[in-house]
Amino acid sequence: MGSLKGEEELEQIEEEASKEAILYVNGSRKVLPDGLAHVTLLEYLRGIGLTGTKLGCGEGGCGACTVMVSHYNKSMKRCGHYAVNACLAPLYSVEGMHVITVEGLGNRVHGLHPVQVIYA
């Protein structure tokens, strides 16, 4: 069972966590290393082995690089989901958010998403 933490402990945890640039990709927590300010989200995703997101036109017009980005809005107390062109988005622009790629929807090993079943 967990224990309740005091306000001082929670502030310390939040302070430590805020020092790291964090991104969630398909449910996995990724700590972003320093020095990637010039990298797009597409380059990062393909660099970690998620090659389902493609580079098509490089201008955001074709949709081959589209991913879903989810972000919790604290003031509205709800989660928003947005389609983002990964070829145009700087990597650090999605810091703290959850990125879902085509691999995150489903696959043959873990089962396909219902939309994927329809098109298969």
PDB file of N, CA and C in Angstrom:
ATOM      1  N   MET A   1       0.838  -1.174   0.000  1.00  0.00           N
ATOM      2  CA  MET A   1       0.000   0.000   0.000  1.00  0.00           C
ATOM      3  C   MET A   1       0.883   1.237   0.000  1.00  0.00           C
ATOM      4  N   GLY A   2       0.417   2.261  -0.653  1.00  0.00           N
ATOM      5  CA  GLY A   2       1.159   3.516  -0.736  1.00  0.00           C
ATOM      6  C   GLY A   2       0.993   4.331   0.532  1.00  0.00           C
ATOM      7  N   SER A   3       1.825   5.306   0.677  1.00  0.00           N
ATOM      8  CA  SER A   3       1.715   6.186   1.834  1.00  0.00           C
ATOM      9  C   SER A   3       1.466   7.604   1.358  1.00  0.00           C
ATOM     10  N   LEU A   4       0.763   8.351   2.155  1.00  0.00           N
ATOM     11  CA  LEU A   4       0.515   9.746   1.836  1.00  0.00           C
ATOM     12  C   LEU A   4       1.784  10.536   2.074  1.00  0.00           C
ATOM     13  N   LYS A   5       2.079  11.404   1.172  1.00  0.00           N
ATOM     14  CA  LYS A   5       3.288  12.202   1.286  1.00  0.00           C
ATOM     15  C   LYS A   5       2.907  13.599   1.743  1.00  0.00           C
ATOM     16  N   GLY A   6       3.803  14.191   2.526  1.00  0.00           N
ATOM     17  CA  GLY A   6       3.587  15.555   2.970  1.00  0.00           C
ATOM     18  C   GLY A   6       3.782  16.533   1.832  1.00  0.00           C
ATOM     19  N   GLU A   7       3.335  17.758   2.032  1.00  0.00           N
ATOM     20  CA  GLU A   7       3.446  18.775   0.984  1.00  0.00           C
ATOM     21  C   GLU A   7       4.895  19.033   0.605  1.00  0.00           C
ATOM     22  N   GLU A   8       5.792  19.000   1.577  1.00  0.00           N
ATOM     23  CA  GLU A   8       7.205  19.238   1.288  1.00  0.00           C
ATOM     24  C   GLU A   8       7.764  18.143   0.385  1.00  0.00           C
ATOM     25  N   GLU A   9       7.393  16.883   0.663  1.00  0.00           N
ATOM     26  CA  GLU A   9       7.863  15.771  -0.160  1.00  0.00           C
ATOM     27  C   GLU A   9       7.318  15.872  -1.582  1.00  0.00           C
ATOM     28  N   LEU A  10       6.036  16.241  -1.714  1.00  0.00           N
ATOM     29  CA  LEU A  10       5.436  16.372  -3.035  1.00  0.00           C
ATOM     30  C   LEU A  10       6.099  17.494  -3.832  1.00  0.00           C
ATOM     31  N   GLU A  11       6.392  18.616  -3.176  1.00  0.00           N
ATOM     32  CA  GLU A  11       7.069  19.718  -3.856  1.00  0.00           C
ATOM     33  C   GLU A  11       8.449  19.296  -4.331  1.00  0.00           C
ATOM     34  N   GLN A  12       9.157  18.513  -3.509  1.00  0.00           N
ATOM     35  CA  GLN A  12      10.489  18.046  -3.871  1.00  0.00           C
ATOM     36  C   GLN A  12      10.413  17.103  -5.075  1.00  0.00           C
ATOM     37  N   ILE A  13       9.422  16.214  -5.087  1.00  0.00           N
ATOM     38  CA  ILE A  13       9.244  15.289  -6.203  1.00  0.00           C
ATOM     39  C   ILE A  13       8.925  16.062  -7.482  1.00  0.00           C
ATOM     40  N   GLU A  14       8.029  17.043  -7.395  1.00  0.00           N
ATOM     41  CA  GLU A  14       7.670  17.843  -8.565  1.00  0.00           C
ATOM     42  C   GLU A  14       8.868  18.628  -9.077  1.00  0.00           C
ATOM     43  N   GLU A  15       9.684  19.144  -8.145  1.00  0.00           N
ATOM     44  CA  GLU A  15      10.865  19.911  -8.531  1.00  0.00           C
ATOM     45  C   GLU A  15      11.863  19.031  -9.272  1.00  0.00           C
ATOM     46  N   GLU A  16      12.081  17.810  -8.782  1.00  0.00           N
ATOM     47  CA  GLU A  16      13.005  16.882  -9.437  1.00  0.00           C
ATOM     48  C   GLU A  16      12.478  16.471 -10.807  1.00  0.00           C
ATOM     49  N   ALA A  17      11.186  16.223 -10.887  1.00  0.00           N
ATOM     50  CA  ALA A  17      10.591  15.800 -12.148  1.00  0.00           C
ATOM     51  C   ALA A  17      10.613  16.918 -13.175  1.00  0.00           C
ATOM     52  N   SER A  18      10.510  18.162 -12.738  1.00  0.00           N
ATOM     53  CA  SER A  18      10.473  19.272 -13.678  1.00  0.00           C
ATOM     54  C   SER A  18      11.830  19.530 -14.320  1.00  0.00           C
ATOM     55  N   LYS A  19      12.896  18.960 -13.791  1.00  0.00           N
ATOM     56  CA  LYS A  19      14.227  19.140 -14.363  1.00  0.00           C
ATOM     57  C   LYS A  19      14.413  18.297 -15.619  1.00  0.00           C
ATOM     58  N   GLU A  20      13.643  17.234 -15.761  1.00  0.00           N
ATOM     59  CA  GLU A  20      13.764  16.344 -16.897  1.00  0.00           C
ATOM     60  C   GLU A  20      12.712  16.676 -17.948  1.00  0.00           C
ATOM     61  N   ALA A  21      13.110  16.626 -19.199  1.00  0.00           N
ATOM     62  CA  ALA A  21      12.153  16.761 -20.297  1.00  0.00           C
ATOM     63  C   ALA A  21      11.585  15.375 -20.556  1.00  0.00           C
ATOM     64  N   ILE A  22      10.284  15.233 -20.366  1.00  0.00           N
ATOM     65  CA  ILE A  22       9.636  13.928 -20.451  1.00  0.00           C
ATOM     66  C   ILE A  22       8.600  13.933 -21.566  1.00  0.00           C
ATOM     67  N   LEU A  23       8.496  12.811 -22.241  1.00  0.00           N
ATOM     68  CA  LEU A  23       7.525  12.603 -23.293  1.00  0.00           C
ATOM     69  C   LEU A  23       6.998  11.182 -23.140  1.00  0.00           C
ATOM     70  N   TYR A  24       5.729  11.001 -23.373  1.00  0.00           N
ATOM     71  CA  TYR A  24       5.149   9.665 -23.356  1.00  0.00           C
ATOM     72  C   TYR A  24       4.852   9.265 -24.797  1.00  0.00           C
ATOM     73  N   VAL A  25       5.359   8.107 -25.207  1.00  0.00           N
ATOM     74  CA  VAL A  25       5.149   7.623 -26.566  1.00  0.00           C
ATOM     75  C   VAL A  25       4.488   6.251 -26.490  1.00  0.00           C
ATOM     76  N   ASN A  26       3.266   6.181 -26.981  1.00  0.00           N
ATOM     77  CA  ASN A  26       2.506   4.918 -26.982  1.00  0.00           C
ATOM     78  C   ASN A  26       2.468   4.287 -25.591  1.00  0.00           C
ATOM     79  N   GLY A  27       2.346   5.103 -24.572  1.00  0.00           N
ATOM     80  CA  GLY A  27       2.236   4.610 -23.198  1.00  0.00           C
ATOM     81  C   GLY A  27       3.549   4.432 -22.474  1.00  0.00           C
ATOM     82  N   SER A  28       4.675   4.624 -23.145  1.00  0.00           N
ATOM     83  CA  SER A  28       5.987   4.465 -22.511  1.00  0.00           C
ATOM     84  C   SER A  28       6.583   5.833 -22.199  1.00  0.00           C
ATOM     85  N   ARG A  29       7.107   5.957 -21.002  1.00  0.00           N
ATOM     86  CA  ARG A  29       7.737   7.212 -20.579  1.00  0.00           C
ATOM     87  C   ARG A  29       9.138   7.299 -21.159  1.00  0.00           C
ATOM     88  N   LYS A  30       9.417   8.412 -21.830  1.00  0.00           N
ATOM     89  CA  LYS A  30      10.735   8.651 -22.413  1.00  0.00           C
ATOM     90  C   LYS A  30      11.309   9.939 -21.827  1.00  0.00           C
ATOM     91  N   VAL A  31      12.543   9.872 -21.350  1.00  0.00           N
ATOM     92  CA  VAL A  31      13.245  11.064 -20.880  1.00  0.00           C
ATOM     93  C   VAL A  31      14.055  11.578 -22.062  1.00  0.00           C
ATOM     94  N   LEU A  32      13.788  12.813 -22.438  1.00  0.00           N
ATOM     95  CA  LEU A  32      14.456  13.394 -23.596  1.00  0.00           C
ATOM     96  C   LEU A  32      15.822  13.926 -23.194  1.00  0.00           C
ATOM     97  N   PRO A  33      16.858  13.533 -23.906  1.00  0.00           N
ATOM     98  CA  PRO A  33      18.192  14.046 -23.592  1.00  0.00           C
ATOM     99  C   PRO A  33      18.323  15.510 -24.015  1.00  0.00           C
ATOM    100  N   ASP A  34      19.278  16.207 -23.432  1.00  0.00           N
ATOM    101  CA  ASP A  34      19.545  17.594 -23.808  1.00  0.00           C
ATOM    102  C   ASP A  34      20.148  17.641 -25.205  1.00  0.00           C
ATOM    103  N   GLY A  35      20.037  18.783 -25.839  1.00  0.00           N
ATOM    104  CA  GLY A  35      20.691  18.996 -27.117  1.00  0.00           C
ATOM    105  C   GLY A  35      19.909  18.546 -28.322  1.00  0.00           C
ATOM    106  N   LEU A  36      18.613  18.351 -28.190  1.00  0.00           N
ATOM    107  CA  LEU A  36      17.810  17.910 -29.333  1.00  0.00           C
ATOM    108  C   LEU A  36      16.862  19.011 -29.820  1.00  0.00           C
ATOM    109  N   ALA A  37      17.231  20.254 -29.607  1.00  0.00           N
ATOM    110  CA  ALA A  37      16.364  21.368 -29.980  1.00  0.00           C
ATOM    111  C   ALA A  37      16.140  21.448 -31.487  1.00  0.00           C
ATOM    112  N   HIS A  38      17.054  20.945 -32.275  1.00  0.00           N
ATOM    113  CA  HIS A  38      16.952  21.002 -33.729  1.00  0.00           C
ATOM    114  C   HIS A  38      16.202  19.804 -34.320  1.00  0.00           C
ATOM    115  N   VAL A  39      15.806  18.854 -33.507  1.00  0.00           N
ATOM    116  CA  VAL A  39      15.195  17.606 -33.970  1.00  0.00           C
ATOM    117  C   VAL A  39      13.676  17.748 -34.010  1.00  0.00           C
ATOM    118  N   THR A  40      13.065  17.240 -35.074  1.00  0.00           N
ATOM    119  CA  THR A  40      11.604  17.228 -35.146  1.00  0.00           C
ATOM    120  C   THR A  40      11.071  15.980 -34.442  1.00  0.00           C
ATOM    121  N   LEU A  41       9.805  16.002 -34.144  1.00  0.00           N
ATOM    122  CA  LEU A  41       9.165  14.846 -33.519  1.00  0.00           C
ATOM    123  C   LEU A  41       9.286  13.624 -34.434  1.00  0.00           C
ATOM    124  N   LEU A  42       9.152  13.818 -35.730  1.00  0.00           N
ATOM    125  CA  LEU A  42       9.276  12.712 -36.679  1.00  0.00           C
ATOM    126  C   LEU A  42      10.661  12.075 -36.617  1.00  0.00           C
ATOM    127  N   GLU A  43      11.704  12.881 -36.612  1.00  0.00           N
ATOM    128  CA  GLU A  43      13.067  12.354 -36.554  1.00  0.00           C
ATOM    129  C   GLU A  43      13.289  11.566 -35.265  1.00  0.00           C
ATOM    130  N   TYR A  44      12.757  12.076 -34.155  1.00  0.00           N
ATOM    131  CA  TYR A  44      12.905  11.380 -32.874  1.00  0.00           C
ATOM    132  C   TYR A  44      12.185  10.031 -32.908  1.00  0.00           C
ATOM    133  N   LEU A  45      10.934  10.024 -33.381  1.00  0.00           N
ATOM    134  CA  LEU A  45      10.156   8.783 -33.411  1.00  0.00           C
ATOM    135  C   LEU A  45      10.826   7.725 -34.267  1.00  0.00           C
ATOM    136  N   ARG A  46      11.307   8.118 -35.428  1.00  0.00           N
ATOM    137  CA  ARG A  46      11.972   7.155 -36.300  1.00  0.00           C
ATOM    138  C   ARG A  46      13.309   6.711 -35.706  1.00  0.00           C
ATOM    139  N   GLY A  47      13.950   7.610 -34.960  1.00  0.00           N
ATOM    140  CA  GLY A  47      15.209   7.279 -34.304  1.00  0.00           C
ATOM    141  C   GLY A  47      15.077   6.252 -33.195  1.00  0.00           C
ATOM    142  N   ILE A  48      13.889   6.186 -32.569  1.00  0.00           N
ATOM    143  CA  ILE A  48      13.677   5.190 -31.507  1.00  0.00           C
ATOM    144  C   ILE A  48      13.023   3.919 -32.050  1.00  0.00           C
ATOM    145  N   GLY A  49      12.948   3.815 -33.384  1.00  0.00           N
ATOM    146  CA  GLY A  49      12.469   2.575 -33.992  1.00  0.00           C
ATOM    147  C   GLY A  49      11.007   2.551 -34.383  1.00  0.00           C
ATOM    148  N   LEU A  50      10.297   3.653 -34.232  1.00  0.00           N
ATOM    149  CA  LEU A  50       8.885   3.705 -34.619  1.00  0.00           C
ATOM    150  C   LEU A  50       8.810   4.240 -36.050  1.00  0.00           C
ATOM    151  N   THR A  51       8.930   3.345 -37.007  1.00  0.00           N
ATOM    152  CA  THR A  51       9.036   3.753 -38.403  1.00  0.00           C
ATOM    153  C   THR A  51       7.703   3.786 -39.137  1.00  0.00           C
ATOM    154  N   GLY A  52       6.601   3.593 -38.447  1.00  0.00           N
ATOM    155  CA  GLY A  52       5.287   3.679 -39.080  1.00  0.00           C
ATOM    156  C   GLY A  52       4.920   5.094 -39.442  1.00  0.00           C
ATOM    157  N   THR A  53       5.467   6.063 -38.754  1.00  0.00           N
ATOM    158  CA  THR A  53       5.257   7.472 -39.061  1.00  0.00           C
ATOM    159  C   THR A  53       6.256   7.840 -40.153  1.00  0.00           C
ATOM    160  N   LYS A  54       5.740   8.273 -41.286  1.00  0.00           N
ATOM    161  CA  LYS A  54       6.585   8.463 -42.474  1.00  0.00           C
ATOM    162  C   LYS A  54       6.829   9.934 -42.787  1.00  0.00           C
ATOM    163  N   LEU A  55       7.920  10.180 -43.509  1.00  0.00           N
ATOM    164  CA  LEU A  55       8.183  11.498 -44.074  1.00  0.00           C
ATOM    165  C   LEU A  55       7.711  11.466 -45.514  1.00  0.00           C
ATOM    166  N   GLY A  56       6.672  12.233 -45.802  1.00  0.00           N
ATOM    167  CA  GLY A  56       6.156  12.299 -47.163  1.00  0.00           C
ATOM    168  C   GLY A  56       6.618  13.583 -47.823  1.00  0.00           C
ATOM    169  N   CYS A  57       5.827  14.622 -47.679  1.00  0.00           N
ATOM    170  CA  CYS A  57       6.137  15.884 -48.341  1.00  0.00           C
ATOM    171  C   CYS A  57       7.073  16.771 -47.523  1.00  0.00           C
ATOM    172  N   GLY A  58       7.116  16.592 -46.209  1.00  0.00           N
ATOM    173  CA  GLY A  58       7.957  17.425 -45.351  1.00  0.00           C
ATOM    174  C   GLY A  58       7.393  18.813 -45.121  1.00  0.00           C
ATOM    175  N   GLU A  59       6.154  19.042 -45.558  1.00  0.00           N
ATOM    176  CA  GLU A  59       5.519  20.348 -45.425  1.00  0.00           C
ATOM    177  C   GLU A  59       4.186  20.280 -44.674  1.00  0.00           C
ATOM    178  N   GLY A  60       3.798  19.099 -44.220  1.00  0.00           N
ATOM    179  CA  GLY A  60       2.553  18.947 -43.465  1.00  0.00           C
ATOM    180  C   GLY A  60       1.313  18.819 -44.322  1.00  0.00           C
ATOM    181  N   GLY A  61       1.470  18.618 -45.616  1.00  0.00           N
ATOM    182  CA  GLY A  61       0.314  18.556 -46.499  1.00  0.00           C
ATOM    183  C   GLY A  61      -0.209  17.163 -46.779  1.00  0.00           C
ATOM    184  N   CYS A  62       0.642  16.147 -46.725  1.00  0.00           N
ATOM    185  CA  CYS A  62       0.231  14.807 -47.155  1.00  0.00           C
ATOM    186  C   CYS A  62      -0.367  13.965 -46.028  1.00  0.00           C
ATOM    187  N   GLY A  63      -0.002  14.211 -44.790  1.00  0.00           N
ATOM    188  CA  GLY A  63      -0.553  13.461 -43.669  1.00  0.00           C
ATOM    189  C   GLY A  63       0.177  12.186 -43.316  1.00  0.00           C
ATOM    190  N   ALA A  64       1.253  11.850 -44.016  1.00  0.00           N
ATOM    191  CA  ALA A  64       1.991  10.617 -43.738  1.00  0.00           C
ATOM    192  C   ALA A  64       2.649  10.638 -42.358  1.00  0.00           C
ATOM    193  N   CYS A  65       2.877  11.826 -41.824  1.00  0.00           N
ATOM    194  CA  CYS A  65       3.579  11.962 -40.544  1.00  0.00           C
ATOM    195  C   CYS A  65       2.629  12.252 -39.381  1.00  0.00           C
ATOM    196  N   THR A  66       1.326  12.153 -39.600  1.00  0.00           N
ATOM    197  CA  THR A  66       0.354  12.538 -38.585  1.00  0.00           C
ATOM    198  C   THR A  66       0.385  11.596 -37.382  1.00  0.00           C
ATOM    199  N   VAL A  67       0.447  12.178 -36.202  1.00  0.00           N
ATOM    200  CA  VAL A  67       0.358  11.447 -34.935  1.00  0.00           C
ATOM    201  C   VAL A  67      -0.702  12.128 -34.079  1.00  0.00           C
ATOM    202  N   MET A  68      -1.174  11.430 -33.062  1.00  0.00           N
ATOM    203  CA  MET A  68      -2.109  12.035 -32.126  1.00  0.00           C
ATOM    204  C   MET A  68      -1.356  12.449 -30.872  1.00  0.00           C
ATOM    205  N   VAL A  69      -1.573  13.676 -30.451  1.00  0.00           N
ATOM    206  CA  VAL A  69      -0.948  14.189 -29.238  1.00  0.00           C
ATOM    207  C   VAL A  69      -2.049  14.485 -28.234  1.00  0.00           C
ATOM    208  N   SER A  70      -1.903  13.951 -27.035  1.00  0.00           N
ATOM    209  CA  SER A  70      -2.875  14.179 -25.962  1.00  0.00           C
ATOM    210  C   SER A  70      -2.230  15.006 -24.872  1.00  0.00           C
ATOM    211  N   HIS A  71      -3.005  15.945 -24.351  1.00  0.00           N
ATOM    212  CA  HIS A  71      -2.494  16.843 -23.312  1.00  0.00           C
ATOM    213  C   HIS A  71      -3.612  17.124 -22.322  1.00  0.00           C
ATOM    214  N   TYR A  72      -3.294  17.061 -21.031  1.00  0.00           N
ATOM    215  CA  TYR A  72      -4.279  17.334 -19.997  1.00  0.00           C
ATOM    216  C   TYR A  72      -4.317  18.830 -19.720  1.00  0.00           C
ATOM    217  N   ASN A  73      -5.490  19.426 -19.854  1.00  0.00           N
ATOM    218  CA  ASN A  73      -5.683  20.846 -19.578  1.00  0.00           C
ATOM    219  C   ASN A  73      -6.152  20.981 -18.133  1.00  0.00           C
ATOM    220  N   LYS A  74      -5.287  21.500 -17.276  1.00  0.00           N
ATOM    221  CA  LYS A  74      -5.603  21.582 -15.845  1.00  0.00           C
ATOM    222  C   LYS A  74      -6.752  22.535 -15.560  1.00  0.00           C
ATOM    223  N   SER A  75      -6.848  23.646 -16.285  1.00  0.00           N
ATOM    224  CA  SER A  75      -7.908  24.615 -16.002  1.00  0.00           C
ATOM    225  C   SER A  75      -9.280  24.073 -16.395  1.00  0.00           C
ATOM    226  N   MET A  76      -9.353  23.324 -17.497  1.00  0.00           N
ATOM    227  CA  MET A  76     -10.627  22.751 -17.931  1.00  0.00           C
ATOM    228  C   MET A  76     -10.878  21.378 -17.325  1.00  0.00           C
ATOM    229  N   LYS A  77      -9.830  20.783 -16.726  1.00  0.00           N
ATOM    230  CA  LYS A  77      -9.899  19.462 -16.112  1.00  0.00           C
ATOM    231  C   LYS A  77     -10.373  18.398 -17.106  1.00  0.00           C
ATOM    232  N   ARG A  78      -9.766  18.449 -18.300  1.00  0.00           N
ATOM    233  CA  ARG A  78     -10.075  17.441 -19.299  1.00  0.00           C
ATOM    234  C   ARG A  78      -8.894  17.277 -20.237  1.00  0.00           C
ATOM    235  N   CYS A  79      -8.902  16.162 -20.921  1.00  0.00           N
ATOM    236  CA  CYS A  79      -7.811  15.824 -21.829  1.00  0.00           C
ATOM    237  C   CYS A  79      -8.200  16.216 -23.247  1.00  0.00           C
ATOM    238  N   GLY A  80      -7.285  16.870 -23.941  1.00  0.00           N
ATOM    239  CA  GLY A  80      -7.516  17.236 -25.334  1.00  0.00           C
ATOM    240  C   GLY A  80      -6.643  16.384 -26.235  1.00  0.00           C
ATOM    241  N   HIS A  81      -7.166  16.033 -27.377  1.00  0.00           N
ATOM    242  CA  HIS A  81      -6.446  15.208 -28.340  1.00  0.00           C
ATOM    243  C   HIS A  81      -6.333  15.988 -29.640  1.00  0.00           C
ATOM    244  N   TYR A  82      -5.130  16.021 -30.204  1.00  0.00           N
ATOM    245  CA  TYR A  82      -4.873  16.826 -31.389  1.00  0.00           C
ATOM    246  C   TYR A  82      -4.095  16.017 -32.417  1.00  0.00           C
ATOM    247  N   ALA A  83      -4.403  16.229 -33.690  1.00  0.00           N
ATOM    248  CA  ALA A  83      -3.616  15.649 -34.768  1.00  0.00           C
ATOM    249  C   ALA A  83      -2.460  16.612 -35.038  1.00  0.00           C
ATOM    250  N   VAL A  84      -1.253  16.075 -35.057  1.00  0.00           N
ATOM    251  CA  VAL A  84      -0.057  16.901 -35.229  1.00  0.00           C
ATOM    252  C   VAL A  84       0.773  16.327 -36.375  1.00  0.00           C
ATOM    253  N   ASN A  85       1.279  17.216 -37.210  1.00  0.00           N
ATOM    254  CA  ASN A  85       2.215  16.811 -38.262  1.00  0.00           C
ATOM    255  C   ASN A  85       3.591  16.703 -37.637  1.00  0.00           C
ATOM    256  N   ALA A  86       4.059  15.478 -37.439  1.00  0.00           N
ATOM    257  CA  ALA A  86       5.328  15.243 -36.744  1.00  0.00           C
ATOM    258  C   ALA A  86       6.519  15.784 -37.517  1.00  0.00           C
ATOM    259  N   CYS A  87       6.389  15.959 -38.826  1.00  0.00           N
ATOM    260  CA  CYS A  87       7.514  16.482 -39.616  1.00  0.00           C
ATOM    261  C   CYS A  87       7.733  17.969 -39.363  1.00  0.00           C
ATOM    262  N   LEU A  88       6.724  18.651 -38.827  1.00  0.00           N
ATOM    263  CA  LEU A  88       6.828  20.087 -38.577  1.00  0.00           C
ATOM    264  C   LEU A  88       7.016  20.428 -37.097  1.00  0.00           C
ATOM    265  N   ALA A  89       6.650  19.516 -36.217  1.00  0.00           N
ATOM    266  CA  ALA A  89       6.657  19.799 -34.775  1.00  0.00           C
ATOM    267  C   ALA A  89       8.047  19.618 -34.181  1.00  0.00           C
ATOM    268  N   PRO A  90       8.597  20.670 -33.567  1.00  0.00           N
ATOM    269  CA  PRO A  90       9.856  20.485 -32.840  1.00  0.00           C
ATOM    270  C   PRO A  90       9.643  19.492 -31.701  1.00  0.00           C
ATOM    271  N   LEU A  91      10.624  18.692 -31.414  1.00  0.00           N
ATOM    272  CA  LEU A  91      10.497  17.646 -30.399  1.00  0.00           C
ATOM    273  C   LEU A  91      10.055  18.208 -29.054  1.00  0.00           C
ATOM    274  N   TYR A  92      10.670  19.294 -28.629  1.00  0.00           N
ATOM    275  CA  TYR A  92      10.359  19.823 -27.302  1.00  0.00           C
ATOM    276  C   TYR A  92       9.005  20.520 -27.236  1.00  0.00           C
ATOM    277  N   SER A  93       8.329  20.690 -28.368  1.00  0.00           N
ATOM    278  CA  SER A  93       6.992  21.297 -28.349  1.00  0.00           C
ATOM    279  C   SER A  93       5.945  20.354 -27.775  1.00  0.00           C
ATOM    280  N   VAL A  94       6.260  19.063 -27.709  1.00  0.00           N
ATOM    281  CA  VAL A  94       5.319  18.089 -27.150  1.00  0.00           C
ATOM    282  C   VAL A  94       5.806  17.551 -25.801  1.00  0.00           C
ATOM    283  N   GLU A  95       6.699  18.265 -25.173  1.00  0.00           N
ATOM    284  CA  GLU A  95       7.216  17.860 -23.865  1.00  0.00           C
ATOM    285  C   GLU A  95       6.076  17.764 -22.856  1.00  0.00           C
ATOM    286  N   GLY A  96       6.049  16.660 -22.117  1.00  0.00           N
ATOM    287  CA  GLY A  96       5.019  16.434 -21.107  1.00  0.00           C
ATOM    288  C   GLY A  96       3.720  15.894 -21.666  1.00  0.00           C
ATOM    289  N   MET A  97       3.646  15.695 -22.960  1.00  0.00           N
ATOM    290  CA  MET A  97       2.429  15.213 -23.599  1.00  0.00           C
ATOM    291  C   MET A  97       2.564  13.736 -23.956  1.00  0.00           C
ATOM    292  N   HIS A  98       1.454  13.150 -24.402  1.00  0.00           N
ATOM    293  CA  HIS A  98       1.431  11.749 -24.798  1.00  0.00           C
ATOM    294  C   HIS A  98       1.231  11.681 -26.305  1.00  0.00           C
ATOM    295  N   VAL A  99       2.163  11.053 -26.989  1.00  0.00           N
ATOM    296  CA  VAL A  99       2.119  10.911 -28.440  1.00  0.00           C
ATOM    297  C   VAL A  99       1.720   9.477 -28.777  1.00  0.00           C
ATOM    298  N   ILE A 100       0.691   9.341 -29.610  1.00  0.00           N
ATOM    299  CA  ILE A 100       0.262   8.027 -30.077  1.00  0.00           C
ATOM    300  C   ILE A 100       0.573   7.942 -31.574  1.00  0.00           C
ATOM    301  N   THR A 101       1.379   6.957 -31.940  1.00  0.00           N
ATOM    302  CA  THR A 101       1.716   6.732 -33.340  1.00  0.00           C
ATOM    303  C   THR A 101       0.866   5.582 -33.876  1.00  0.00           C
ATOM    304  N   VAL A 102       1.048   5.269 -35.133  1.00  0.00           N
ATOM    305  CA  VAL A 102       0.313   4.157 -35.730  1.00  0.00           C
ATOM    306  C   VAL A 102       0.650   2.842 -35.016  1.00  0.00           C
ATOM    307  N   GLU A 103       1.878   2.706 -34.529  1.00  0.00           N
ATOM    308  CA  GLU A 103       2.252   1.498 -33.786  1.00  0.00           C
ATOM    309  C   GLU A 103       1.495   1.394 -32.463  1.00  0.00           C
ATOM    310  N   GLY A 104       1.104   2.532 -31.904  1.00  0.00           N
ATOM    311  CA  GLY A 104       0.392   2.543 -30.631  1.00  0.00           C
ATOM    312  C   GLY A 104      -1.066   2.159 -30.743  1.00  0.00           C
ATOM    313  N   LEU A 105      -1.589   2.169 -31.949  1.00  0.00           N
ATOM    314  CA  LEU A 105      -2.983   1.775 -32.133  1.00  0.00           C
ATOM    315  C   LEU A 105      -3.163   0.281 -31.981  1.00  0.00           C
ATOM    316  N   GLY A 106      -2.263  -0.491 -32.532  1.00  0.00           N
ATOM    317  CA  GLY A 106      -2.354  -1.941 -32.442  1.00  0.00           C
ATOM    318  C   GLY A 106      -1.433  -2.592 -33.446  1.00  0.00           C
ATOM    319  N   ASN A 107      -1.218  -3.887 -33.253  1.00  0.00           N
ATOM    320  CA  ASN A 107      -0.387  -4.646 -34.184  1.00  0.00           C
ATOM    321  C   ASN A 107      -0.812  -6.104 -34.149  1.00  0.00           C
ATOM    322  N   ARG A 108      -0.203  -6.908 -35.000  1.00  0.00           N
ATOM    323  CA  ARG A 108      -0.593  -8.323 -35.098  1.00  0.00           C
ATOM    324  C   ARG A 108      -0.265  -9.108 -33.835  1.00  0.00           C
ATOM    325  N   VAL A 109       0.772  -8.711 -33.129  1.00  0.00           N
ATOM    326  CA  VAL A 109       1.185  -9.441 -31.928  1.00  0.00           C
ATOM    327  C   VAL A 109       0.214  -9.198 -30.773  1.00  0.00           C
ATOM    328  N   HIS A 110      -0.141  -7.934 -30.539  1.00  0.00           N
ATOM    329  CA  HIS A 110      -0.977  -7.585 -29.387  1.00  0.00           C
ATOM    330  C   HIS A 110      -2.444  -7.375 -29.760  1.00  0.00           C
ATOM    331  N   GLY A 111      -2.759  -7.499 -31.007  1.00  0.00           N
ATOM    332  CA  GLY A 111      -4.131  -7.307 -31.456  1.00  0.00           C
ATOM    333  C   GLY A 111      -4.317  -5.960 -32.121  1.00  0.00           C
ATOM    334  N   LEU A 112      -5.123  -5.945 -33.160  1.00  0.00           N
ATOM    335  CA  LEU A 112      -5.354  -4.724 -33.912  1.00  0.00           C
ATOM    336  C   LEU A 112      -6.441  -3.871 -33.267  1.00  0.00           C
ATOM    337  N   HIS A 113      -6.350  -2.581 -33.507  1.00  0.00           N
ATOM    338  CA  HIS A 113      -7.390  -1.642 -33.101  1.00  0.00           C
ATOM    339  C   HIS A 113      -8.609  -1.918 -33.993  1.00  0.00           C
ATOM    340  N   PRO A 114      -9.835  -1.710 -33.505  1.00  0.00           N
ATOM    341  CA  PRO A 114     -11.026  -1.984 -34.329  1.00  0.00           C
ATOM    342  C   PRO A 114     -11.005  -1.269 -35.686  1.00  0.00           C
ATOM    343  N   VAL A 115     -10.468  -0.074 -35.758  1.00  0.00           N
ATOM    344  CA  VAL A 115     -10.376   0.634 -37.038  1.00  0.00           C
ATOM    345  C   VAL A 115      -9.422  -0.095 -37.970  1.00  0.00           C
ATOM    346  N   GLN A 116      -8.331  -0.620 -37.436  1.00  0.00           N
ATOM    347  CA  GLN A 116      -7.383  -1.367 -38.254  1.00  0.00           C
ATOM    348  C   GLN A 116      -7.990  -2.664 -38.773  1.00  0.00           C
ATOM    349  N   VAL A 117      -8.846  -3.292 -37.961  1.00  0.00           N
ATOM    350  CA  VAL A 117      -9.504  -4.539 -38.381  1.00  0.00           C
ATOM    351  C   VAL A 117     -10.412  -4.277 -39.584  1.00  0.00           C
ATOM    352  N   ILE A 118     -11.123  -3.153 -39.557  1.00  0.00           N
ATOM    353  CA  ILE A 118     -12.049  -2.810 -40.647  1.00  0.00           C
ATOM    354  C   ILE A 118     -11.284  -2.664 -41.963  1.00  0.00           C
ATOM    355  N   TYR A 119     -10.107  -2.002 -41.900  1.00  0.00           N
ATOM    356  CA  TYR A 119      -9.342  -1.754 -43.117  1.00  0.00           C
ATOM    357  C   TYR A 119      -8.468  -2.936 -43.527  1.00  0.00           C
ATOM    358  N   ALA A 120      -8.261  -3.891 -42.648  1.00  0.00           N
ATOM    359  CA  ALA A 120      -7.359  -5.019 -42.956  1.00  0.00           C
ATOM    360  C   ALA A 120      -7.967  -6.004 -43.920  1.00  0.00           C
TER     361      ALA A 120
END
